[in-house]
Amino acid sequence: SARRDEKRRTILSTISALLGASLQLEKTLQMAIHMVSELMEVEVTLIFSLDEENNKLKLVAYEGVSDEFARAVDGQEIGSGYYGEVAKTSQPMVVDNKG
């Protein structure tokens, strides 16, 4: 029926918009992380989101590290390690490994 087809088109349009927004967010984060890296003149930049329900960090964008490293730090608990401590204290941390 026409009503059913209209509902189907509406749902597909909504799904398409949601997927487009999600892809746009990822692209926006990647652009932002690149600009932050240039501005701060750093080789490695990571952006995490906070999963408050599970008390963990979700790595949402990164530059300057391997995919393996990214997988290793994704899901780090709040208060654990460098990134977890930053999330716990809400204070930025710059690590100079040039020594």
PDB file of N, CA and C in Angstrom:
ATOM      1  N   SER A   1       0.830  -1.187   0.000  1.00  0.00           N
ATOM      2  CA  SER A   1       0.000   0.000   0.000  1.00  0.00           C
ATOM      3  C   SER A   1       0.877   1.253   0.000  1.00  0.00           C
ATOM      4  N   ALA A   2       0.292   2.365  -0.358  1.00  0.00           N
ATOM      5  CA  ALA A   2       1.031   3.634  -0.423  1.00  0.00           C
ATOM      6  C   ALA A   2       1.519   4.058   0.960  1.00  0.00           C
ATOM      7  N   ARG A   3       0.691   3.827   1.968  1.00  0.00           N
ATOM      8  CA  ARG A   3       1.073   4.207   3.334  1.00  0.00           C
ATOM      9  C   ARG A   3       2.292   3.404   3.806  1.00  0.00           C
ATOM     10  N   ARG A   4       2.291   2.126   3.490  1.00  0.00           N
ATOM     11  CA  ARG A   4       3.405   1.250   3.871  1.00  0.00           C
ATOM     12  C   ARG A   4       4.687   1.667   3.150  1.00  0.00           C
ATOM     13  N   ASP A   5       4.581   1.977   1.864  1.00  0.00           N
ATOM     14  CA  ASP A   5       5.744   2.426   1.096  1.00  0.00           C
ATOM     15  C   ASP A   5       6.307   3.731   1.650  1.00  0.00           C
ATOM     16  N   GLU A   6       5.411   4.647   2.028  1.00  0.00           N
ATOM     17  CA  GLU A   6       5.847   5.922   2.594  1.00  0.00           C
ATOM     18  C   GLU A   6       6.579   5.705   3.922  1.00  0.00           C
ATOM     19  N   LYS A   7       6.038   4.818   4.745  1.00  0.00           N
ATOM     20  CA  LYS A   7       6.680   4.503   6.027  1.00  0.00           C
ATOM     21  C   LYS A   7       8.061   3.896   5.793  1.00  0.00           C
ATOM     22  N   ARG A   8       8.144   3.011   4.817  1.00  0.00           N
ATOM     23  CA  ARG A   8       9.423   2.371   4.489  1.00  0.00           C
ATOM     24  C   ARG A   8      10.444   3.413   4.039  1.00  0.00           C
ATOM     25  N   ARG A   9      10.026   4.324   3.159  1.00  0.00           N
ATOM     26  CA  ARG A   9      10.923   5.384   2.687  1.00  0.00           C
ATOM     27  C   ARG A   9      11.381   6.267   3.846  1.00  0.00           C
ATOM     28  N   THR A  10      10.465   6.580   4.750  1.00  0.00           N
ATOM     29  CA  THR A  10      10.802   7.415   5.906  1.00  0.00           C
ATOM     30  C   THR A  10      11.842   6.728   6.787  1.00  0.00           C
ATOM     31  N   ILE A  11      11.630   5.442   7.054  1.00  0.00           N
ATOM     32  CA  ILE A  11      12.582   4.692   7.882  1.00  0.00           C
ATOM     33  C   ILE A  11      13.938   4.608   7.199  1.00  0.00           C
ATOM     34  N   LEU A  12      13.961   4.289   5.916  1.00  0.00           N
ATOM     35  CA  LEU A  12      15.229   4.208   5.181  1.00  0.00           C
ATOM     36  C   LEU A  12      15.937   5.557   5.147  1.00  0.00           C
ATOM     37  N   SER A  13      15.176   6.617   4.992  1.00  0.00           N
ATOM     38  CA  SER A  13      15.759   7.959   4.991  1.00  0.00           C
ATOM     39  C   SER A  13      16.373   8.286   6.349  1.00  0.00           C
ATOM     40  N   THR A  14      15.677   7.927   7.418  1.00  0.00           N
ATOM     41  CA  THR A  14      16.187   8.168   8.767  1.00  0.00           C
ATOM     42  C   THR A  14      17.464   7.378   9.016  1.00  0.00           C
ATOM     43  N   ILE A  15      17.465   6.111   8.628  1.00  0.00           N
ATOM     44  CA  ILE A  15      18.663   5.274   8.786  1.00  0.00           C
ATOM     45  C   ILE A  15      19.815   5.858   7.990  1.00  0.00           C
ATOM     46  N   SER A  16      19.546   6.268   6.771  1.00  0.00           N
ATOM     47  CA  SER A  16      20.581   6.864   5.928  1.00  0.00           C
ATOM     48  C   SER A  16      21.162   8.120   6.565  1.00  0.00           C
ATOM     49  N   ALA A  17      20.299   8.966   7.121  1.00  0.00           N
ATOM     50  CA  ALA A  17      20.764  10.197   7.776  1.00  0.00           C
ATOM     51  C   ALA A  17      21.618   9.871   8.992  1.00  0.00           C
ATOM     52  N   LEU A  18      21.199   8.877   9.773  1.00  0.00           N
ATOM     53  CA  LEU A  18      21.977   8.482  10.951  1.00  0.00           C
ATOM     54  C   LEU A  18      23.350   7.954  10.553  1.00  0.00           C
ATOM     55  N   LEU A  19      23.377   7.123   9.520  1.00  0.00           N
ATOM     56  CA  LEU A  19      24.660   6.592   9.055  1.00  0.00           C
ATOM     57  C   LEU A  19      25.544   7.705   8.518  1.00  0.00           C
ATOM     58  N   GLY A  20      24.955   8.626   7.787  1.00  0.00           N
ATOM     59  CA  GLY A  20      25.704   9.764   7.261  1.00  0.00           C
ATOM     60  C   GLY A  20      26.275  10.619   8.365  1.00  0.00           C
ATOM     61  N   ALA A  21      25.492  10.846   9.395  1.00  0.00           N
ATOM     62  CA  ALA A  21      25.963  11.643  10.532  1.00  0.00           C
ATOM     63  C   ALA A  21      27.100  10.926  11.237  1.00  0.00           C
ATOM     64  N   SER A  22      26.993   9.618  11.375  1.00  0.00           N
ATOM     65  CA  SER A  22      28.036   8.832  12.027  1.00  0.00           C
ATOM     66  C   SER A  22      29.334   8.903  11.235  1.00  0.00           C
ATOM     67  N   LEU A  23      29.234   8.761   9.921  1.00  0.00           N
ATOM     68  CA  LEU A  23      30.424   8.836   9.084  1.00  0.00           C
ATOM     69  C   LEU A  23      31.014  10.239   9.126  1.00  0.00           C
ATOM     70  N   GLN A  24      30.164  11.236   9.159  1.00  0.00           N
ATOM     71  CA  GLN A  24      30.628  12.612   9.223  1.00  0.00           C
ATOM     72  C   GLN A  24      31.355  12.868  10.538  1.00  0.00           C
ATOM     73  N   LEU A  25      30.852  12.312  11.643  1.00  0.00           N
ATOM     74  CA  LEU A  25      31.494  12.485  12.941  1.00  0.00           C
ATOM     75  C   LEU A  25      32.905  11.910  12.904  1.00  0.00           C
ATOM     76  N   GLU A  26      33.043  10.718  12.351  1.00  0.00           N
ATOM     77  CA  GLU A  26      34.361  10.086  12.268  1.00  0.00           C
ATOM     78  C   GLU A  26      35.317  10.947  11.444  1.00  0.00           C
ATOM     79  N   LYS A  27      34.838  11.442  10.317  1.00  0.00           N
ATOM     80  CA  LYS A  27      35.665  12.290   9.458  1.00  0.00           C
ATOM     81  C   LYS A  27      36.032  13.581  10.185  1.00  0.00           C
ATOM     82  N   THR A  28      35.062  14.163  10.889  1.00  0.00           N
ATOM     83  CA  THR A  28      35.304  15.389  11.645  1.00  0.00           C
ATOM     84  C   THR A  28      36.342  15.160  12.731  1.00  0.00           C
ATOM     85  N   LEU A  29      36.236  14.046  13.451  1.00  0.00           N
ATOM     86  CA  LEU A  29      37.213  13.732  14.501  1.00  0.00           C
ATOM     87  C   LEU A  29      38.608  13.548  13.920  1.00  0.00           C
ATOM     88  N   GLN A  30      38.707  12.873  12.784  1.00  0.00           N
ATOM     89  CA  GLN A  30      40.019  12.668  12.159  1.00  0.00           C
ATOM     90  C   GLN A  30      40.627  13.995  11.723  1.00  0.00           C
ATOM     91  N   MET A  31      39.795  14.885  11.179  1.00  0.00           N
ATOM     92  CA  MET A  31      40.297  16.204  10.789  1.00  0.00           C
ATOM     93  C   MET A  31      40.734  16.984  12.025  1.00  0.00           C
ATOM     94  N   ALA A  32      39.938  16.919  13.080  1.00  0.00           N
ATOM     95  CA  ALA A  32      40.255  17.641  14.315  1.00  0.00           C
ATOM     96  C   ALA A  32      41.546  17.127  14.930  1.00  0.00           C
ATOM     97  N   ILE A  33      41.722  15.837  14.946  1.00  0.00           N
ATOM     98  CA  ILE A  33      42.917  15.267  15.574  1.00  0.00           C
ATOM     99  C   ILE A  33      44.167  15.650  14.792  1.00  0.00           C
ATOM    100  N   HIS A  34      44.039  15.722  13.481  1.00  0.00           N
ATOM    101  CA  HIS A  34      45.179  16.142  12.660  1.00  0.00           C
ATOM    102  C   HIS A  34      45.543  17.597  12.958  1.00  0.00           C
ATOM    103  N   MET A  35      44.525  18.448  13.079  1.00  0.00           N
ATOM    104  CA  MET A  35      44.778  19.863  13.376  1.00  0.00           C
ATOM    105  C   MET A  35      45.370  20.045  14.772  1.00  0.00           C
ATOM    106  N   VAL A  36      44.877  19.282  15.746  1.00  0.00           N
ATOM    107  CA  VAL A  36      45.420  19.351  17.110  1.00  0.00           C
ATOM    108  C   VAL A  36      46.882  18.925  17.109  1.00  0.00           C
ATOM    109  N   SER A  37      47.195  17.863  16.385  1.00  0.00           N
ATOM    110  CA  SER A  37      48.579  17.384  16.306  1.00  0.00           C
ATOM    111  C   SER A  37      49.497  18.453  15.733  1.00  0.00           C
ATOM    112  N   GLU A  38      49.035  19.116  14.668  1.00  0.00           N
ATOM    113  CA  GLU A  38      49.833  20.190  14.067  1.00  0.00           C
ATOM    114  C   GLU A  38      49.979  21.372  15.011  1.00  0.00           C
ATOM    115  N   LEU A  39      48.877  21.786  15.618  1.00  0.00           N
ATOM    116  CA  LEU A  39      48.885  22.936  16.509  1.00  0.00           C
ATOM    117  C   LEU A  39      49.802  22.718  17.708  1.00  0.00           C
ATOM    118  N   MET A  40      49.733  21.534  18.300  1.00  0.00           N
ATOM    119  CA  MET A  40      50.539  21.246  19.488  1.00  0.00           C
ATOM    120  C   MET A  40      51.932  20.722  19.138  1.00  0.00           C
ATOM    121  N   GLU A  41      52.162  20.519  17.834  1.00  0.00           N
ATOM    122  CA  GLU A  41      53.434  19.997  17.348  1.00  0.00           C
ATOM    123  C   GLU A  41      53.809  18.695  18.053  1.00  0.00           C
ATOM    124  N   VAL A  42      52.846  17.758  18.035  1.00  0.00           N
ATOM    125  CA  VAL A  42      53.055  16.443  18.637  1.00  0.00           C
ATOM    126  C   VAL A  42      52.914  15.371  17.566  1.00  0.00           C
ATOM    127  N   GLU A  43      53.534  14.244  17.826  1.00  0.00           N
ATOM    128  CA  GLU A  43      53.493  13.145  16.867  1.00  0.00           C
ATOM    129  C   GLU A  43      52.327  12.196  17.111  1.00  0.00           C
ATOM    130  N   VAL A  44      51.851  12.137  18.352  1.00  0.00           N
ATOM    131  CA  VAL A  44      50.782  11.209  18.713  1.00  0.00           C
ATOM    132  C   VAL A  44      49.635  11.980  19.361  1.00  0.00           C
ATOM    133  N   THR A  45      48.425  11.740  18.891  1.00  0.00           N
ATOM    134  CA  THR A  45      47.236  12.339  19.480  1.00  0.00           C
ATOM    135  C   THR A  45      46.146  11.275  19.530  1.00  0.00           C
ATOM    136  N   LEU A  46      45.478  11.194  20.673  1.00  0.00           N
ATOM    137  CA  LEU A  46      44.396  10.236  20.874  1.00  0.00           C
ATOM    138  C   LEU A  46      43.171  10.980  21.394  1.00  0.00           C
ATOM    139  N   ILE A  47      41.994  10.621  20.897  1.00  0.00           N
ATOM    140  CA  ILE A  47      40.745  11.163  21.423  1.00  0.00           C
ATOM    141  C   ILE A  47      39.919   9.991  21.943  1.00  0.00           C
ATOM    142  N   PHE A  48      39.527  10.102  23.208  1.00  0.00           N
ATOM    143  CA  PHE A  48      38.702   9.075  23.840  1.00  0.00           C
ATOM    144  C   PHE A  48      37.332   9.653  24.170  1.00  0.00           C
ATOM    145  N   SER A  49      36.334   8.800  24.200  1.00  0.00           N
ATOM    146  CA  SER A  49      35.041   9.178  24.782  1.00  0.00           C
ATOM    147  C   SER A  49      34.890   8.364  26.061  1.00  0.00           C
ATOM    148  N   LEU A  50      34.088   8.876  26.966  1.00  0.00           N
ATOM    149  CA  LEU A  50      33.926   8.247  28.271  1.00  0.00           C
ATOM    150  C   LEU A  50      32.678   7.378  28.286  1.00  0.00           C
ATOM    151  N   ASP A  51      32.873   6.100  28.573  1.00  0.00           N
ATOM    152  CA  ASP A  51      31.761   5.166  28.755  1.00  0.00           C
ATOM    153  C   ASP A  51      31.508   5.094  30.259  1.00  0.00           C
ATOM    154  N   GLU A  52      30.653   5.996  30.743  1.00  0.00           N
ATOM    155  CA  GLU A  52      30.416   6.100  32.189  1.00  0.00           C
ATOM    156  C   GLU A  52      29.768   4.849  32.757  1.00  0.00           C
ATOM    157  N   GLU A  53      28.949   4.198  31.971  1.00  0.00           N
ATOM    158  CA  GLU A  53      28.258   2.999  32.444  1.00  0.00           C
ATOM    159  C   GLU A  53      29.247   1.891  32.809  1.00  0.00           C
ATOM    160  N   ASN A  54      30.299   1.735  32.001  1.00  0.00           N
ATOM    161  CA  ASN A  54      31.292   0.685  32.231  1.00  0.00           C
ATOM    162  C   ASN A  54      32.582   1.204  32.844  1.00  0.00           C
ATOM    163  N   ASN A  55      32.650   2.527  33.099  1.00  0.00           N
ATOM    164  CA  ASN A  55      33.836   3.147  33.698  1.00  0.00           C
ATOM    165  C   ASN A  55      35.089   2.904  32.848  1.00  0.00           C
ATOM    166  N   LYS A  56      34.917   3.023  31.522  1.00  0.00           N
ATOM    167  CA  LYS A  56      36.027   2.784  30.598  1.00  0.00           C
ATOM    168  C   LYS A  56      36.106   3.887  29.553  1.00  0.00           C
ATOM    169  N   LEU A  57      37.261   3.939  28.893  1.00  0.00           N
ATOM    170  CA  LEU A  57      37.487   4.892  27.811  1.00  0.00           C
ATOM    171  C   LEU A  57      37.359   4.186  26.473  1.00  0.00           C
ATOM    172  N   LYS A  58      36.695   4.836  25.532  1.00  0.00           N
ATOM    173  CA  LYS A  58      36.564   4.304  24.176  1.00  0.00           C
ATOM    174  C   LYS A  58      37.388   5.182  23.253  1.00  0.00           C
ATOM    175  N   LEU A  59      38.369   4.596  22.593  1.00  0.00           N
ATOM    176  CA  LEU A  59      39.202   5.342  21.649  1.00  0.00           C
ATOM    177  C   LEU A  59      38.383   5.604  20.388  1.00  0.00           C
ATOM    178  N   VAL A  60      38.158   6.885  20.084  1.00  0.00           N
ATOM    179  CA  VAL A  60      37.312   7.227  18.937  1.00  0.00           C
ATOM    180  C   VAL A  60      38.096   7.785  17.756  1.00  0.00           C
ATOM    181  N   ALA A  61      39.312   8.263  17.994  1.00  0.00           N
ATOM    182  CA  ALA A  61      40.158   8.759  16.900  1.00  0.00           C
ATOM    183  C   ALA A  61      41.600   8.788  17.385  1.00  0.00           C
ATOM    184  N   TYR A  62      42.524   8.581  16.450  1.00  0.00           N
ATOM    185  CA  TYR A  62      43.936   8.609  16.823  1.00  0.00           C
ATOM    186  C   TYR A  62      44.804   8.893  15.614  1.00  0.00           C
ATOM    187  N   GLU A  63      46.002   9.384  15.911  1.00  0.00           N
ATOM    188  CA  GLU A  63      46.992   9.655  14.869  1.00  0.00           C
ATOM    189  C   GLU A  63      48.371   9.423  15.471  1.00  0.00           C
ATOM    190  N   GLY A  64      49.240   8.775  14.732  1.00  0.00           N
ATOM    191  CA  GLY A  64      50.622   8.613  15.158  1.00  0.00           C
ATOM    192  C   GLY A  64      50.920   7.338  15.925  1.00  0.00           C
ATOM    193  N   VAL A  65      49.929   6.436  16.037  1.00  0.00           N
ATOM    194  CA  VAL A  65      50.161   5.143  16.688  1.00  0.00           C
ATOM    195  C   VAL A  65      49.658   4.042  15.762  1.00  0.00           C
ATOM    196  N   SER A  66      50.144   2.841  15.999  1.00  0.00           N
ATOM    197  CA  SER A  66      49.717   1.705  15.183  1.00  0.00           C
ATOM    198  C   SER A  66      48.300   1.275  15.572  1.00  0.00           C
ATOM    199  N   ASP A  67      47.657   0.565  14.675  1.00  0.00           N
ATOM    200  CA  ASP A  67      46.336   0.015  14.974  1.00  0.00           C
ATOM    201  C   ASP A  67      46.421  -0.931  16.174  1.00  0.00           C
ATOM    202  N   GLU A  68      47.525  -1.659  16.273  1.00  0.00           N
ATOM    203  CA  GLU A  68      47.727  -2.589  17.393  1.00  0.00           C
ATOM    204  C   GLU A  68      47.750  -1.833  18.726  1.00  0.00           C
ATOM    205  N   PHE A  69      48.483  -0.716  18.767  1.00  0.00           N
ATOM    206  CA  PHE A  69      48.536   0.100  19.981  1.00  0.00           C
ATOM    207  C   PHE A  69      47.148   0.640  20.301  1.00  0.00           C
ATOM    208  N   ALA A  70      46.457   1.115  19.279  1.00  0.00           N
ATOM    209  CA  ALA A  70      45.113   1.667  19.473  1.00  0.00           C
ATOM    210  C   ALA A  70      44.184   0.620  20.079  1.00  0.00           C
ATOM    211  N   ARG A  71      44.245  -0.602  19.573  1.00  0.00           N
ATOM    212  CA  ARG A  71      43.411  -1.669  20.133  1.00  0.00           C
ATOM    213  C   ARG A  71      43.782  -1.953  21.583  1.00  0.00           C
ATOM    214  N   ALA A  72      45.070  -1.848  21.906  1.00  0.00           N
ATOM    215  CA  ALA A  72      45.536  -2.139  23.268  1.00  0.00           C
ATOM    216  C   ALA A  72      45.036  -1.117  24.287  1.00  0.00           C
ATOM    217  N   VAL A  73      44.920   0.154  23.894  1.00  0.00           N
ATOM    218  CA  VAL A  73      44.490   1.183  24.854  1.00  0.00           C
ATOM    219  C   VAL A  73      42.980   1.411  24.836  1.00  0.00           C
ATOM    220  N   ASP A  74      42.311   0.919  23.822  1.00  0.00           N
ATOM    221  CA  ASP A  74      40.859   1.064  23.752  1.00  0.00           C
ATOM    222  C   ASP A  74      40.224   0.255  24.881  1.00  0.00           C
ATOM    223  N   GLY A  75      39.306   0.874  25.599  1.00  0.00           N
ATOM    224  CA  GLY A  75      38.632   0.176  26.687  1.00  0.00           C
ATOM    225  C   GLY A  75      39.366   0.245  28.016  1.00  0.00           C
ATOM    226  N   GLN A  76      40.380   1.117  28.105  1.00  0.00           N
ATOM    227  CA  GLN A  76      41.136   1.255  29.349  1.00  0.00           C
ATOM    228  C   GLN A  76      40.225   1.781  30.458  1.00  0.00           C
ATOM    229  N   GLU A  77      40.413   1.264  31.656  1.00  0.00           N
ATOM    230  CA  GLU A  77      39.582   1.679  32.786  1.00  0.00           C
ATOM    231  C   GLU A  77      39.994   3.055  33.296  1.00  0.00           C
ATOM    232  N   ILE A  78      38.996   3.810  33.784  1.00  0.00           N
ATOM    233  CA  ILE A  78      39.246   5.125  34.372  1.00  0.00           C
ATOM    234  C   ILE A  78      40.178   4.945  35.571  1.00  0.00           C
ATOM    235  N   GLY A  79      41.239   5.765  35.625  1.00  0.00           N
ATOM    236  CA  GLY A  79      42.198   5.695  36.726  1.00  0.00           C
ATOM    237  C   GLY A  79      43.357   4.748  36.466  1.00  0.00           C
ATOM    238  N   SER A  80      43.315   4.008  35.365  1.00  0.00           N
ATOM    239  CA  SER A  80      44.356   3.036  35.047  1.00  0.00           C
ATOM    240  C   SER A  80      45.247   3.563  33.920  1.00  0.00           C
ATOM    241  N   GLY A  81      46.562   3.606  34.131  1.00  0.00           N
ATOM    242  CA  GLY A  81      47.492   4.059  33.104  1.00  0.00           C
ATOM    243  C   GLY A  81      47.394   5.551  32.844  1.00  0.00           C
ATOM    244  N   TYR A  82      48.179   6.014  31.869  1.00  0.00           N
ATOM    245  CA  TYR A  82      48.195   7.443  31.530  1.00  0.00           C
ATOM    246  C   TYR A  82      46.802   7.965  31.191  1.00  0.00           C
ATOM    247  N   TYR A  83      46.135   7.298  30.250  1.00  0.00           N
ATOM    248  CA  TYR A  83      44.873   7.802  29.726  1.00  0.00           C
ATOM    249  C   TYR A  83      43.759   7.715  30.760  1.00  0.00           C
ATOM    250  N   GLY A  84      43.739   6.650  31.512  1.00  0.00           N
ATOM    251  CA  GLY A  84      42.745   6.506  32.569  1.00  0.00           C
ATOM    252  C   GLY A  84      42.929   7.532  33.669  1.00  0.00           C
ATOM    253  N   GLU A  85      44.185   7.888  33.956  1.00  0.00           N
ATOM    254  CA  GLU A  85      44.471   8.903  34.971  1.00  0.00           C
ATOM    255  C   GLU A  85      44.023  10.285  34.490  1.00  0.00           C
ATOM    256  N   VAL A  86      44.245  10.574  33.215  1.00  0.00           N
ATOM    257  CA  VAL A  86      43.784  11.846  32.645  1.00  0.00           C
ATOM    258  C   VAL A  86      42.262  11.944  32.773  1.00  0.00           C
ATOM    259  N   ALA A  87      41.570  10.871  32.454  1.00  0.00           N
ATOM    260  CA  ALA A  87      40.108  10.874  32.558  1.00  0.00           C
ATOM    261  C   ALA A  87      39.661  11.051  34.008  1.00  0.00           C
ATOM    262  N   LYS A  88      40.370  10.428  34.918  1.00  0.00           N
ATOM    263  CA  LYS A  88      40.009  10.508  36.340  1.00  0.00           C
ATOM    264  C   LYS A  88      40.208  11.917  36.893  1.00  0.00           C
ATOM    265  N   THR A  89      41.321  12.556  36.525  1.00  0.00           N
ATOM    266  CA  THR A  89      41.663  13.868  37.087  1.00  0.00           C
ATOM    267  C   THR A  89      41.139  15.034  36.257  1.00  0.00           C
ATOM    268  N   SER A  90      40.720  14.762  35.027  1.00  0.00           N
ATOM    269  CA  SER A  90      40.270  15.806  34.091  1.00  0.00           C
ATOM    270  C   SER A  90      41.366  16.824  33.794  1.00  0.00           C
ATOM    271  N   GLN A  91      42.610  16.411  33.919  1.00  0.00           N
ATOM    272  CA  GLN A  91      43.746  17.276  33.628  1.00  0.00           C
ATOM    273  C   GLN A  91      44.484  16.742  32.405  1.00  0.00           C
ATOM    274  N   PRO A  92      44.851  17.625  31.461  1.00  0.00           N
ATOM    275  CA  PRO A  92      45.589  17.160  30.278  1.00  0.00           C
ATOM    276  C   PRO A  92      46.968  16.646  30.669  1.00  0.00           C
ATOM    277  N   MET A  93      47.497  15.768  29.852  1.00  0.00           N
ATOM    278  CA  MET A  93      48.827  15.230  30.111  1.00  0.00           C
ATOM    279  C   MET A  93      49.611  15.229  28.805  1.00  0.00           C
ATOM    280  N   VAL A  94      50.769  15.851  28.820  1.00  0.00           N
ATOM    281  CA  VAL A  94      51.666  15.832  27.672  1.00  0.00           C
ATOM    282  C   VAL A  94      52.887  15.036  28.092  1.00  0.00           C
ATOM    283  N   VAL A  95      53.207  14.003  27.330  1.00  0.00           N
ATOM    284  CA  VAL A  95      54.337  13.141  27.652  1.00  0.00           C
ATOM    285  C   VAL A  95      55.428  13.397  26.630  1.00  0.00           C
ATOM    286  N   ASP A  96      56.604  13.793  27.096  1.00  0.00           N
ATOM    287  CA  ASP A  96      57.749  14.046  26.216  1.00  0.00           C
ATOM    288  C   ASP A  96      58.647  12.824  26.236  1.00  0.00           C
ATOM    289  N   ASN A  97      58.587  12.051  25.163  1.00  0.00           N
ATOM    290  CA  ASN A  97      59.398  10.841  25.077  1.00  0.00           C
ATOM    291  C   ASN A  97      60.695  11.065  24.315  1.00  0.00           C
ATOM    292  N   LYS A  98      61.021  12.315  24.033  1.00  0.00           N
ATOM    293  CA  LYS A  98      62.232  12.598  23.258  1.00  0.00           C
ATOM    294  C   LYS A  98      63.469  12.512  24.130  1.00  0.00           C
ATOM    295  N   GLY A  99      63.268  12.583  25.448  1.00  0.00           N
ATOM    296  CA  GLY A  99      64.259  12.324  26.405  1.00  0.00           C
ATOM    297  C   GLY A  99      65.412  13.084  26.653  1.00  0.00           C
TER     298      GLY A  99
END
